Amino acid sequence: MNKILKEKIMEAFSSVLPITAIVLIASVFLVPMPTGTILTFIVGASLLVLGMGFFTMGADMAMMPMGEGIGIQLTKTSNLVFVLMVSFVMGLVITIAEPDLQVLAHQVPSIPYFNLIFAVACGVGFFLVVSVLRIFLKIRLSVLLFVFYFITFGLVFFAPANFVPVAFDSGGVTTGPITVPFILSMGLGLAAIRTDKNSRDDSFGLVALCSVGPILAVLLLGIFFNPEGAAVESHRIPAVITSRDVVELFAFEFPTYATDVLKALGAILVIFLIFQLISRRYNRRQLARIGVGFLYTFIGLVVFLTGVNVGFIPVGQFLGAELAVAPFRWILVPLGMLFGYFIVKAEPAVHVLVKDVEEISSGAIPQKAMKQGLSIGMASALALSMLRILLGIPLLWILVPGYIIALVLTFFVPAIFTGIAFDSGGVCSGPLTSTFLLPLAMGTCEGVGGNLMIDAFGIVAMVAMTPLIVIQVMGLIYRKKLKTSDELSRDELEALALDDSGVIIEYDYEGAV
C-alpha cells in the first residue's frame, strides 16, 4: 500500500475511533441496540475510515491543485466579465453535484426537488461571483458578511416559519466534501497572484460567502413559492438480522452513491478539461497525477458516503428516539457534546481546511490548534441543539445573538481569522452532520413530540454558527500573544547594552545569560 495513503487511513482511524467507542459504550450502558444495527454501524465506521483515507489523498493530488490552478489562471485574464461568468457557472455546477445538498432536498418534499436544488445552486454561483469580486477589489470580508447577514435576518420575518431552519441548514450542507476543496483552493490561487500585504488574509472567505447564498435562496424560495405546509422524510431503521443482511444492505446502496459521486466528479472533470484545453496549464505528468487523484477521490467519496449513510443514520435516529423517552433524557446534552467534540475531526473537508490554514499561515496557526478550536465549537453546538430540542427553544433565539457576536468580532480580530472562522462554519457541517447528527436530532424530536421541521432541522445551522465565534476568539488570543511577543522582543533589544567593563550583556526571557 502507498505509504502516504496508509498514513491518511491511520489518521482517519484515529479520528473515527472515539465516535465508534462512544456509540458502542452507549449501546451497552444506556440504550441496548439490536445486534444487526450495531454490526451495521461497525461496518459503516470501517468504510468511513477507508473512505476518508482515499478522499484526503485524492483531494491533495487533484482537487486542490486543480482549484488553485484555475484561480491563478483567472487572475491572468483581463476580461472581468468572462472571469465572473466562469465563476458563476463553476459555483452552479459544483453545487448541483454536491451529494449533501441532494440529501437535504429529499427531506423537504413540499418543494419540488429540482426547484430547491436549482435555487441553492444559483445562490452559491452568485456569491462565488461576489467572492471573486471581493478579492479583485480588495473589499474587507467583515463588511460584506455584515451586510449580507443583515439582509438574511431581515428576510427571515417574511419567510414561512417552517423554512427558516431548512434555509440555514442548506448554507451548511452545500459546502460539502466536493465543494470545499475546490473553492478553498480557488481562493488560494486568486489571492496568490497578488503581492500586497493583505493577499494572505483574502485567500480565505470564499466558502464563508458561498454559505450565505443558499440561506438567502431558500428563504426567497419559501417567500415566493409560498407552500401551505412543510413535510419531512423520517429515516426508517432497516431490518437487519444476519451478517448476510448487513452485506446485502451495503451492497444494495453502493451503486446509488457511486452514481451520485460519478455525476458530481464528472461535472467537475468536464470543467477542468475545458479549462485545460483553453489554458494548457498542466503538463502530461501533472495531468496524470490529477487523474490518479480523481480516482482516489471517487473511491474515497463512494466508500465514505456509503458507510455513513447506511451505517450511521439508523444508529443516530435510534439513539435519539430511545434516550428522549428515557428518565435520564438530559444525558443527551453531555452525550451530544461528546459526539460534537470528536465527530468534527472525522469530517473530510475539515482535513482540507486545517491543512490549508497551516500552509497559508506559515505554521502560525497549526492544524492541532485549529482542530481543537473546531472541536470545542462543535461540542457547544451539539449541547445547545439538544437543549433547544428538549426545551422547545426557537432556533432564532440562539442564531440571532450568536451571529451578532460573530459579526461584531470580525472588526476586532485579524482579518485572516475572520475568513478562516466563517469558512469553518460551512466546512464543519459535512456528511457526518447530515447522516448522524441530523438523524440523532430527528429521533430526539420524535421522542419528545416536537415538530420535526422546526425543532429537528436547525442542527446544521448551529454547527455552522459556533465555529464563527470560537475561531475568532482564537484570533483574539493570537493577536494578544503576538503583541506580547513583540513587546518582549523590543525589551530584549533595549536590554542589549555595554557594562562598565565593556562586555556585552545579553538578556533572555529568564534574565541575564
Protein backbone atom coordinates (compact mmCIF):
# COMPACT_ATOMS: atom_id res chain seq x y z
CA MET A 1 0.00 0.00 0.00
CA ASN A 2 1.15 3.55 -0.76
CA LYS A 3 2.92 4.92 2.33
CA ILE A 4 1.13 8.28 2.21
CA LEU A 5 -2.24 6.57 1.74
CA LYS A 6 -1.53 4.34 4.72
CA GLU A 7 -0.76 7.42 6.83
CA LYS A 8 -4.03 9.03 5.69
CA ILE A 9 -6.01 5.93 6.64
CA MET A 10 -4.35 5.73 10.06
CA GLU A 11 -5.12 9.40 10.62
CA ALA A 12 -8.75 8.74 9.71
CA PHE A 13 -8.81 5.73 12.05
CA SER A 14 -7.65 7.86 14.99
CA SER A 15 -10.36 10.43 14.15
CA VAL A 16 -13.23 7.94 13.88
CA LEU A 17 -12.25 5.64 16.78
CA PRO A 18 -13.61 7.93 19.58
CA ILE A 19 -17.05 8.23 17.92
CA THR A 20 -17.24 4.47 17.44
CA ALA A 21 -16.23 3.86 21.05
CA ILE A 22 -18.86 6.30 22.40
CA VAL A 23 -21.65 4.65 20.39
CA LEU A 24 -20.63 1.14 21.46
CA ILE A 25 -20.42 2.16 25.12
CA ALA A 26 -23.83 3.86 24.88
CA SER A 27 -25.29 0.71 23.31
CA VAL A 28 -24.19 -1.30 26.35
CA PHE A 29 -24.93 1.03 29.26
CA LEU A 30 -27.61 3.45 28.01
CA VAL A 31 -29.59 2.11 25.04
CA PRO A 32 -29.32 -1.61 24.21
CA MET A 33 -29.36 -1.90 20.42
CA PRO A 34 -30.17 -4.82 18.11
CA THR A 35 -27.07 -6.77 17.17
CA GLY A 36 -27.73 -6.17 13.48
CA THR A 37 -27.85 -2.40 13.97
CA ILE A 38 -24.54 -2.42 15.85
CA LEU A 39 -22.91 -4.62 13.22
CA THR A 40 -24.15 -2.24 10.52
CA PHE A 41 -22.64 0.67 12.44
CA ILE A 42 -19.25 -1.06 12.81
CA VAL A 43 -19.10 -1.86 9.09
CA GLY A 44 -20.12 1.73 8.33
CA ALA A 45 -17.36 3.06 10.60
CA SER A 46 -14.80 0.85 8.87
CA LEU A 47 -15.88 2.12 5.46
CA LEU A 48 -15.77 5.67 6.78
CA VAL A 49 -12.11 5.26 7.79
CA LEU A 50 -11.16 3.75 4.45
CA GLY A 51 -13.11 6.38 2.51
CA MET A 52 -11.59 9.28 4.44
CA GLY A 53 -8.09 7.99 3.72
CA PHE A 54 -8.69 7.76 -0.03
CA PHE A 55 -10.57 11.08 -0.16
CA THR A 56 -7.90 13.16 1.60
CA MET A 57 -5.26 11.60 -0.63
CA GLY A 58 -7.32 12.43 -3.71
CA ALA A 59 -8.00 15.98 -2.56
CA ASP A 60 -4.26 16.59 -2.16
CA MET A 61 -3.46 15.19 -5.61
CA ALA A 62 -6.35 16.51 -7.71
CA MET A 63 -8.97 18.81 -6.22
CA MET A 64 -6.65 21.31 -4.56
CA PRO A 65 -4.08 21.71 -7.41
CA MET A 66 -6.93 21.99 -9.89
CA GLY A 67 -8.84 24.64 -7.95
CA GLU A 68 -5.69 26.64 -7.23
CA GLY A 69 -4.61 26.47 -10.89
CA ILE A 70 -7.99 27.73 -12.11
CA GLY A 71 -7.86 30.56 -9.55
CA ILE A 72 -4.40 31.68 -10.70
CA GLN A 73 -5.35 31.43 -14.37
CA LEU A 74 -8.47 33.55 -13.89
CA THR A 75 -6.37 36.38 -12.48
CA LYS A 76 -4.34 36.45 -15.72
CA THR A 77 -7.47 37.18 -17.78
CA SER A 78 -8.12 40.86 -18.43
CA ASN A 79 -11.79 40.25 -19.27
CA LEU A 80 -13.51 40.59 -15.87
CA VAL A 81 -16.95 39.69 -17.27
CA PHE A 82 -15.55 36.37 -18.54
CA VAL A 83 -13.98 35.67 -15.12
CA LEU A 84 -17.27 36.32 -13.34
CA MET A 85 -19.24 34.18 -15.80
CA VAL A 86 -16.84 31.28 -15.30
CA SER A 87 -17.09 31.69 -11.52
CA PHE A 88 -20.90 31.61 -11.62
CA VAL A 89 -21.03 28.51 -13.83
CA MET A 90 -18.48 26.71 -11.63
CA GLY A 91 -20.45 27.51 -8.49
CA LEU A 92 -23.69 26.39 -10.14
CA VAL A 93 -22.36 23.07 -11.48
CA ILE A 94 -20.40 22.06 -8.39
CA THR A 95 -23.35 22.80 -6.08
CA ILE A 96 -25.83 20.82 -8.16
CA ALA A 97 -23.38 17.91 -7.94
CA GLU A 98 -22.91 18.15 -4.14
CA PRO A 99 -24.26 14.92 -2.54
CA ASP A 100 -25.08 16.63 0.80
CA LEU A 101 -27.47 19.03 -0.93
CA GLN A 102 -29.28 16.17 -2.65
CA VAL A 103 -29.79 14.51 0.75
CA LEU A 104 -31.30 17.71 2.17
CA ALA A 105 -33.55 18.25 -0.86
CA HIS A 106 -35.14 14.83 -0.34
CA GLN A 107 -36.03 15.85 3.22
CA VAL A 108 -38.35 18.66 2.04
CA PRO A 109 -40.91 17.08 -0.34
CA SER A 110 -43.29 20.08 -0.11
CA ILE A 111 -40.98 21.97 -2.52
CA PRO A 112 -40.15 20.26 -5.84
CA TYR A 113 -36.72 18.67 -5.72
CA PHE A 114 -35.34 20.48 -8.79
CA ASN A 115 -36.63 23.88 -7.63
CA LEU A 116 -34.78 23.61 -4.32
CA ILE A 117 -31.56 22.31 -5.89
CA PHE A 118 -31.51 24.96 -8.62
CA ALA A 119 -32.30 27.83 -6.22
CA VAL A 120 -29.47 26.84 -3.88
CA ALA A 121 -27.04 26.35 -6.78
CA CYS A 122 -27.85 29.82 -8.12
CA GLY A 123 -27.24 31.22 -4.64
CA VAL A 124 -23.79 29.64 -4.47
CA GLY A 125 -22.95 30.72 -8.02
CA PHE A 126 -23.92 34.32 -7.35
CA PHE A 127 -21.93 34.50 -4.13
CA LEU A 128 -18.90 32.89 -5.73
CA VAL A 129 -19.01 35.84 -8.13
CA VAL A 130 -19.23 38.19 -5.14
CA SER A 131 -16.26 36.41 -3.55
CA VAL A 132 -14.11 36.79 -6.66
CA LEU A 133 -15.02 40.48 -6.92
CA ARG A 134 -14.09 40.94 -3.27
CA ILE A 135 -10.58 39.59 -3.88
CA PHE A 136 -10.09 41.70 -7.01
CA LEU A 137 -11.46 44.89 -5.41
CA LYS A 138 -9.80 44.19 -2.01
CA ILE A 139 -13.04 44.61 -0.05
CA ARG A 140 -12.86 43.62 3.62
CA LEU A 141 -14.70 40.34 4.24
CA SER A 142 -16.28 41.51 7.52
CA VAL A 143 -18.09 44.35 5.73
CA LEU A 144 -19.71 42.00 3.19
CA LEU A 145 -20.62 39.46 5.87
CA PHE A 146 -22.27 42.15 7.97
CA VAL A 147 -24.31 43.44 5.01
CA PHE A 148 -25.46 40.08 3.70
CA TYR A 149 -26.32 38.58 7.09
CA PHE A 150 -28.29 41.75 7.89
CA ILE A 151 -30.30 41.16 4.69
CA THR A 152 -30.65 37.46 5.56
CA PHE A 153 -32.09 38.01 9.02
CA GLY A 154 -34.36 40.69 7.57
CA LEU A 155 -35.86 38.14 5.14
CA VAL A 156 -36.47 35.69 7.99
CA PHE A 157 -39.51 37.73 9.08
CA PHE A 158 -41.15 37.28 5.66
CA ALA A 159 -40.40 33.59 5.09
CA PRO A 160 -42.63 30.72 6.32
CA ALA A 161 -41.52 29.67 9.81
CA ASN A 162 -41.11 26.05 8.70
CA PHE A 163 -38.49 27.02 6.14
CA VAL A 164 -36.20 29.10 8.35
CA PRO A 165 -34.34 26.07 9.85
CA VAL A 166 -34.07 24.42 6.41
CA ALA A 167 -32.71 27.64 4.91
CA PHE A 168 -29.93 27.93 7.49
CA ASP A 169 -29.19 24.20 7.25
CA SER A 170 -28.80 24.50 3.47
CA GLY A 171 -25.99 27.00 4.00
CA GLY A 172 -24.05 24.31 5.85
CA VAL A 173 -24.69 21.20 3.76
CA THR A 174 -23.97 22.96 0.46
CA THR A 175 -20.30 23.38 1.33
CA GLY A 176 -19.56 19.66 1.46
CA PRO A 177 -16.64 17.36 0.60
CA ILE A 178 -16.70 18.14 -3.13
CA THR A 179 -17.31 21.89 -3.00
CA VAL A 180 -14.92 22.85 -0.17
CA PRO A 181 -11.55 21.58 -1.53
CA PHE A 182 -12.26 23.17 -4.91
CA ILE A 183 -13.44 26.57 -3.61
CA LEU A 184 -10.74 26.81 -0.92
CA SER A 185 -8.00 26.12 -3.44
CA MET A 186 -9.53 28.54 -5.90
CA GLY A 187 -9.38 31.27 -3.25
CA LEU A 188 -5.72 30.49 -2.59
CA GLY A 189 -4.99 30.73 -6.31
CA LEU A 190 -6.84 34.02 -6.75
CA ALA A 191 -5.05 35.63 -3.80
CA ALA A 192 -1.62 34.15 -4.62
CA ILE A 193 -1.17 36.36 -7.67
CA ARG A 194 -1.45 39.49 -5.51
CA THR A 195 1.67 40.84 -3.82
CA ASP A 196 0.11 43.25 -1.32
CA LYS A 197 0.22 42.63 2.43
CA ASN A 198 -3.47 41.62 2.61
CA SER A 199 -3.35 38.89 -0.05
CA ARG A 200 -2.86 36.14 2.54
CA ASP A 201 -5.91 37.31 4.51
CA ASP A 202 -8.12 37.44 1.41
CA SER A 203 -7.30 33.86 0.40
CA PHE A 204 -9.97 32.70 2.86
CA GLY A 205 -13.62 33.71 2.80
CA LEU A 206 -14.94 32.13 -0.40
CA VAL A 207 -16.64 29.30 1.48
CA ALA A 208 -17.95 31.85 4.01
CA LEU A 209 -19.75 33.93 1.39
CA CYS A 210 -20.87 30.89 -0.60
CA SER A 211 -22.60 29.63 2.57
CA VAL A 212 -24.77 32.77 2.66
CA GLY A 213 -26.14 32.20 -0.86
CA PRO A 214 -28.13 29.03 -0.10
CA ILE A 215 -29.71 30.61 3.00
CA LEU A 216 -30.94 33.60 1.02
CA ALA A 217 -32.05 31.37 -1.88
CA VAL A 218 -34.18 29.06 0.28
CA LEU A 219 -35.70 31.99 2.19
CA LEU A 220 -36.68 33.66 -1.10
CA LEU A 221 -37.95 30.33 -2.41
CA GLY A 222 -40.12 29.97 0.67
CA ILE A 223 -41.47 33.51 0.28
CA PHE A 224 -42.33 33.28 -3.44
CA PHE A 225 -43.19 29.58 -3.62
CA ASN A 226 -45.34 30.04 -0.52
CA PRO A 227 -46.04 26.37 0.30
CA GLU A 228 -49.03 25.67 2.54
CA GLY A 229 -47.07 23.27 4.71
CA ALA A 230 -43.74 21.59 5.00
CA ALA A 231 -43.20 17.90 5.38
CA VAL A 232 -40.09 16.00 6.32
CA GLU A 233 -39.00 12.49 5.48
CA SER A 234 -38.14 10.42 8.53
CA HIS A 235 -35.49 7.72 8.27
CA ARG A 236 -36.54 4.13 8.82
CA ILE A 237 -34.29 1.66 10.58
CA PRO A 238 -33.74 -1.30 8.22
CA ALA A 239 -34.46 -4.79 9.47
CA VAL A 240 -31.03 -6.39 9.79
CA ILE A 241 -30.72 -9.77 11.47
CA THR A 242 -27.82 -11.74 10.00
CA SER A 243 -24.38 -10.75 8.76
CA ARG A 244 -25.57 -11.51 5.22
CA ASP A 245 -28.32 -8.90 5.67
CA VAL A 246 -25.64 -6.35 6.56
CA VAL A 247 -23.57 -7.14 3.47
CA GLU A 248 -26.66 -7.02 1.24
CA LEU A 249 -27.69 -3.68 2.75
CA PHE A 250 -24.37 -2.04 1.88
CA ALA A 251 -24.16 -3.79 -1.48
CA PHE A 252 -27.64 -2.54 -2.42
CA GLU A 253 -26.83 1.10 -1.59
CA PHE A 254 -23.30 1.12 -3.01
CA PRO A 255 -24.30 1.67 -6.69
CA THR A 256 -26.57 4.58 -5.69
CA TYR A 257 -23.76 6.55 -4.08
CA ALA A 258 -21.32 5.55 -6.82
CA THR A 259 -23.70 7.09 -9.37
CA ASP A 260 -24.14 10.27 -7.30
CA VAL A 261 -20.39 10.75 -6.86
CA LEU A 262 -19.71 9.95 -10.52
CA LYS A 263 -22.13 12.69 -11.57
CA ALA A 264 -20.57 15.13 -9.11
CA LEU A 265 -16.96 14.48 -10.08
CA GLY A 266 -17.93 14.16 -13.74
CA ALA A 267 -19.25 17.72 -13.71
CA ILE A 268 -16.01 19.00 -12.18
CA LEU A 269 -13.94 16.91 -14.62
CA VAL A 270 -15.74 18.46 -17.60
CA ILE A 271 -14.99 21.96 -16.28
CA PHE A 272 -11.36 21.01 -15.74
CA LEU A 273 -10.95 19.53 -19.24
CA ILE A 274 -12.40 22.67 -20.85
CA PHE A 275 -10.08 24.77 -18.71
CA GLN A 276 -7.07 22.64 -19.71
CA LEU A 277 -7.91 22.82 -23.42
CA ILE A 278 -8.08 26.62 -23.24
CA SER A 279 -5.15 27.34 -20.90
CA ARG A 280 -2.81 24.37 -21.45
CA ARG A 281 -1.67 25.00 -17.88
CA TYR A 282 -0.76 21.44 -16.86
CA ASN A 283 1.83 19.15 -18.46
CA ARG A 284 1.34 15.42 -19.01
CA ARG A 285 2.91 14.42 -15.72
CA GLN A 286 0.68 16.81 -13.79
CA LEU A 287 -2.39 15.62 -15.69
CA ALA A 288 -1.54 12.01 -14.85
CA ARG A 289 -1.23 12.90 -11.17
CA ILE A 290 -4.56 14.75 -11.22
CA GLY A 291 -6.16 11.79 -12.98
CA VAL A 292 -4.98 9.40 -10.26
CA GLY A 293 -6.16 11.93 -7.66
CA PHE A 294 -9.63 11.93 -9.21
CA LEU A 295 -9.71 8.15 -8.95
CA TYR A 296 -8.70 8.30 -5.27
CA THR A 297 -11.35 10.97 -4.65
CA PHE A 298 -14.04 8.89 -6.37
CA ILE A 299 -13.21 5.74 -4.42
CA GLY A 300 -12.97 7.67 -1.17
CA LEU A 301 -16.27 9.52 -1.51
CA VAL A 302 -18.22 6.44 -2.62
CA VAL A 303 -16.91 4.34 0.25
CA PHE A 304 -17.30 7.20 2.76
CA LEU A 305 -20.86 8.15 1.77
CA THR A 306 -21.99 4.52 1.65
CA GLY A 307 -20.55 3.92 5.12
CA VAL A 308 -22.05 6.97 6.83
CA ASN A 309 -25.44 6.88 5.08
CA VAL A 310 -26.07 3.19 5.62
CA GLY A 311 -24.24 2.64 8.91
CA PHE A 312 -24.73 5.88 10.83
CA ILE A 313 -28.30 7.02 10.07
CA PRO A 314 -30.06 4.10 11.85
CA VAL A 315 -27.86 4.40 14.95
CA GLY A 316 -28.27 8.16 15.19
CA GLN A 317 -32.05 8.05 14.99
CA PHE A 318 -32.31 5.05 17.31
CA LEU A 319 -30.15 6.68 19.98
CA GLY A 320 -32.07 9.95 19.86
CA ALA A 321 -35.52 8.33 19.95
CA GLU A 322 -34.70 5.94 22.81
CA LEU A 323 -32.88 8.46 25.01
CA ALA A 324 -35.56 11.13 24.52
CA VAL A 325 -38.18 8.94 26.25
CA ALA A 326 -35.81 7.67 28.96
CA PRO A 327 -35.97 9.04 32.54
CA PHE A 328 -32.40 10.29 32.10
CA ARG A 329 -33.04 12.03 28.77
CA TRP A 330 -30.93 15.02 29.85
CA ILE A 331 -27.89 12.85 29.23
CA LEU A 332 -28.43 13.79 25.57
CA VAL A 333 -26.79 17.14 26.33
CA PRO A 334 -23.37 15.84 27.50
CA LEU A 335 -23.60 12.94 25.04
CA GLY A 336 -24.20 15.43 22.24
CA MET A 337 -21.16 17.39 23.39
CA LEU A 338 -19.03 14.25 23.19
CA PHE A 339 -20.28 13.44 19.70
CA GLY A 340 -19.70 17.01 18.57
CA TYR A 341 -16.19 17.19 20.00
CA PHE A 342 -14.98 14.09 18.18
CA ILE A 343 -17.15 13.98 15.06
CA VAL A 344 -15.73 17.17 13.55
CA LYS A 345 -12.32 15.51 13.26
CA ALA A 346 -13.88 12.85 11.03
CA GLU A 347 -15.35 15.34 8.52
CA PRO A 348 -13.37 15.01 5.24
CA ALA A 349 -13.44 18.72 4.36
CA VAL A 350 -12.08 19.68 7.80
CA HIS A 351 -8.81 17.93 6.99
CA VAL A 352 -8.54 20.00 3.82
CA LEU A 353 -9.25 23.28 5.64
CA VAL A 354 -6.82 22.84 8.54
CA LYS A 355 -4.03 21.86 6.16
CA ASP A 356 -4.64 24.96 4.03
CA VAL A 357 -4.74 27.15 7.14
CA GLU A 358 -1.40 25.84 8.41
CA GLU A 359 0.24 26.29 5.00
CA ILE A 360 -1.07 29.78 4.25
CA SER A 361 -0.21 31.00 7.78
CA SER A 362 3.31 29.51 7.51
CA GLY A 363 2.67 27.36 10.58
CA ALA A 364 1.46 30.24 12.78
CA ILE A 365 -1.97 28.54 13.01
CA PRO A 366 -1.15 24.82 13.39
CA GLN A 367 -3.54 22.03 12.45
CA LYS A 368 -3.73 20.84 16.06
CA ALA A 369 -4.93 24.24 17.30
CA MET A 370 -7.50 24.51 14.51
CA LYS A 371 -8.89 21.04 15.17
CA GLN A 372 -9.11 21.78 18.89
CA GLY A 373 -10.96 25.03 18.23
CA LEU A 374 -13.39 23.36 15.82
CA SER A 375 -14.00 20.52 18.29
CA ILE A 376 -14.89 22.99 21.05
CA GLY A 377 -17.22 24.83 18.67
CA MET A 378 -18.90 21.60 17.56
CA ALA A 379 -19.35 20.41 21.15
CA SER A 380 -21.01 23.72 22.05
CA ALA A 381 -23.28 23.47 19.02
CA LEU A 382 -24.48 19.98 19.92
CA ALA A 383 -25.09 20.91 23.57
CA LEU A 384 -27.19 23.91 22.50
CA SER A 385 -29.03 21.84 19.87
CA MET A 386 -30.02 19.12 22.33
CA LEU A 387 -31.16 21.74 24.86
CA ARG A 388 -33.15 23.51 22.15
CA ILE A 389 -34.99 20.32 21.16
CA LEU A 390 -35.65 19.17 24.73
CA LEU A 391 -36.91 22.59 25.87
CA GLY A 392 -38.56 23.64 22.60
CA ILE A 393 -36.46 26.81 22.24
CA PRO A 394 -36.97 28.65 18.90
CA LEU A 395 -33.92 28.44 16.64
CA LEU A 396 -33.68 32.20 16.09
CA TRP A 397 -33.37 32.83 19.84
CA ILE A 398 -29.92 31.25 19.56
CA LEU A 399 -28.90 32.08 15.98
CA VAL A 400 -29.57 35.83 16.13
CA PRO A 401 -27.42 36.61 19.20
CA GLY A 402 -24.82 34.09 18.01
CA TYR A 403 -24.40 35.76 14.63
CA ILE A 404 -24.41 39.23 16.22
CA ILE A 405 -21.48 38.18 18.42
CA ALA A 406 -19.69 36.59 15.45
CA LEU A 407 -20.16 39.66 13.22
CA VAL A 408 -19.06 42.09 15.94
CA LEU A 409 -15.90 40.04 16.49
CA THR A 410 -14.96 40.45 12.81
CA PHE A 411 -14.00 44.07 13.50
CA PHE A 412 -11.60 43.16 16.33
CA VAL A 413 -9.70 40.08 15.14
CA PRO A 414 -7.01 39.72 12.43
CA ALA A 415 -8.68 39.55 9.01
CA ILE A 416 -7.32 36.06 8.27
CA PHE A 417 -9.14 34.67 11.33
CA THR A 418 -12.44 36.12 10.10
CA GLY A 419 -12.07 34.28 6.78
CA ILE A 420 -11.00 31.06 8.48
CA ALA A 421 -13.83 31.24 11.04
CA PHE A 422 -16.62 31.77 8.52
CA ASP A 423 -15.11 29.16 6.19
CA SER A 424 -15.03 26.73 9.14
CA GLY A 425 -18.75 27.17 9.70
CA GLY A 426 -19.51 25.68 6.30
CA VAL A 427 -16.79 23.06 6.45
CA CYS A 428 -17.83 21.56 9.82
CA SER A 429 -21.36 20.83 8.65
CA GLY A 430 -20.47 17.98 6.30
CA PRO A 431 -21.74 14.44 5.57
CA LEU A 432 -21.43 13.19 9.16
CA THR A 433 -23.61 16.05 10.40
CA SER A 434 -26.38 15.27 7.92
CA THR A 435 -26.18 11.48 8.28
CA PHE A 436 -25.60 11.06 12.02
CA LEU A 437 -26.31 14.26 13.94
CA LEU A 438 -29.45 15.21 11.99
CA PRO A 439 -30.99 11.73 12.47
CA LEU A 440 -29.99 11.99 16.17
CA ALA A 441 -31.88 15.29 16.37
CA MET A 442 -34.85 13.84 14.47
CA GLY A 443 -35.03 10.84 16.78
CA THR A 444 -34.85 13.10 19.84
CA CYS A 445 -37.53 15.38 18.39
CA GLU A 446 -39.87 12.46 17.72
CA GLY A 447 -39.27 11.17 21.25
CA VAL A 448 -40.29 14.45 22.90
CA GLY A 449 -43.19 15.00 20.45
CA GLY A 450 -41.72 18.08 18.77
CA ASN A 451 -42.13 19.48 15.25
CA LEU A 452 -39.52 17.82 13.03
CA MET A 453 -39.38 20.67 10.54
CA ILE A 454 -38.94 23.40 13.16
CA ASP A 455 -37.14 21.61 16.01
CA ALA A 456 -35.01 18.87 14.39
CA PHE A 457 -33.84 20.96 11.46
CA GLY A 458 -31.51 23.72 12.53
CA ILE A 459 -28.84 21.46 13.99
CA VAL A 460 -26.68 22.02 10.89
CA ALA A 461 -27.17 25.77 11.33
CA MET A 462 -25.99 25.51 14.94
CA VAL A 463 -22.94 23.52 13.84
CA ALA A 464 -22.17 26.18 11.23
CA MET A 465 -22.54 29.06 13.71
CA THR A 466 -20.42 28.15 16.74
CA PRO A 467 -17.03 27.92 14.90
CA LEU A 468 -17.56 31.53 13.82
CA ILE A 469 -17.23 32.59 17.45
CA VAL A 470 -14.68 30.04 18.68
CA ILE A 471 -12.16 30.56 15.85
CA GLN A 472 -12.40 34.34 16.15
CA VAL A 473 -11.81 34.11 19.90
CA MET A 474 -8.68 32.14 18.95
CA GLY A 475 -7.83 35.13 16.76
CA LEU A 476 -8.11 37.49 19.72
CA ILE A 477 -5.82 35.23 21.78
CA TYR A 478 -3.39 35.01 18.84
CA ARG A 479 -3.30 38.81 18.50
CA LYS A 480 -2.68 39.22 22.23
CA LYS A 481 0.18 36.69 22.18
CA LEU A 482 1.67 38.35 19.11
CA LYS A 483 1.53 41.74 20.81
CA THR A 484 3.17 40.32 23.94
CA SER A 485 5.87 38.67 21.82
CA ASP A 486 6.60 41.96 20.03
CA GLU A 487 6.90 43.78 23.35
CA LEU A 488 9.29 41.14 24.67
CA SER A 489 11.40 41.41 21.50
CA ARG A 490 11.67 45.16 21.89
CA ASP A 491 12.63 44.76 25.55
CA GLU A 492 15.37 42.28 24.56
CA LEU A 493 16.84 44.73 22.07
CA GLU A 494 16.79 47.51 24.63
CA ALA A 495 18.42 45.18 27.17
CA LEU A 496 21.49 44.72 24.96
CA ALA A 497 23.97 47.16 26.48
CA LEU A 498 27.63 47.51 27.43
CA ASP A 499 28.52 47.26 31.13
CA ASP A 500 31.37 49.24 32.71
CA SER A 501 33.94 46.62 31.69
CA GLY A 502 32.91 46.86 28.04
CA VAL A 503 31.42 43.31 27.95
CA ILE A 504 28.13 42.89 26.16
CA ILE A 505 25.40 41.51 28.42
CA GLU A 506 22.54 39.67 26.72
CA TYR A 507 19.22 39.04 28.42
CA ASP A 508 16.81 36.27 27.64
CA TYR A 509 13.25 35.85 28.97
CA GLU A 510 14.51 34.49 32.29
CA GLY A 511 17.20 37.05 32.94
CA ALA A 512 20.89 37.51 32.24
CA VAL A 513 22.80 34.90 30.29
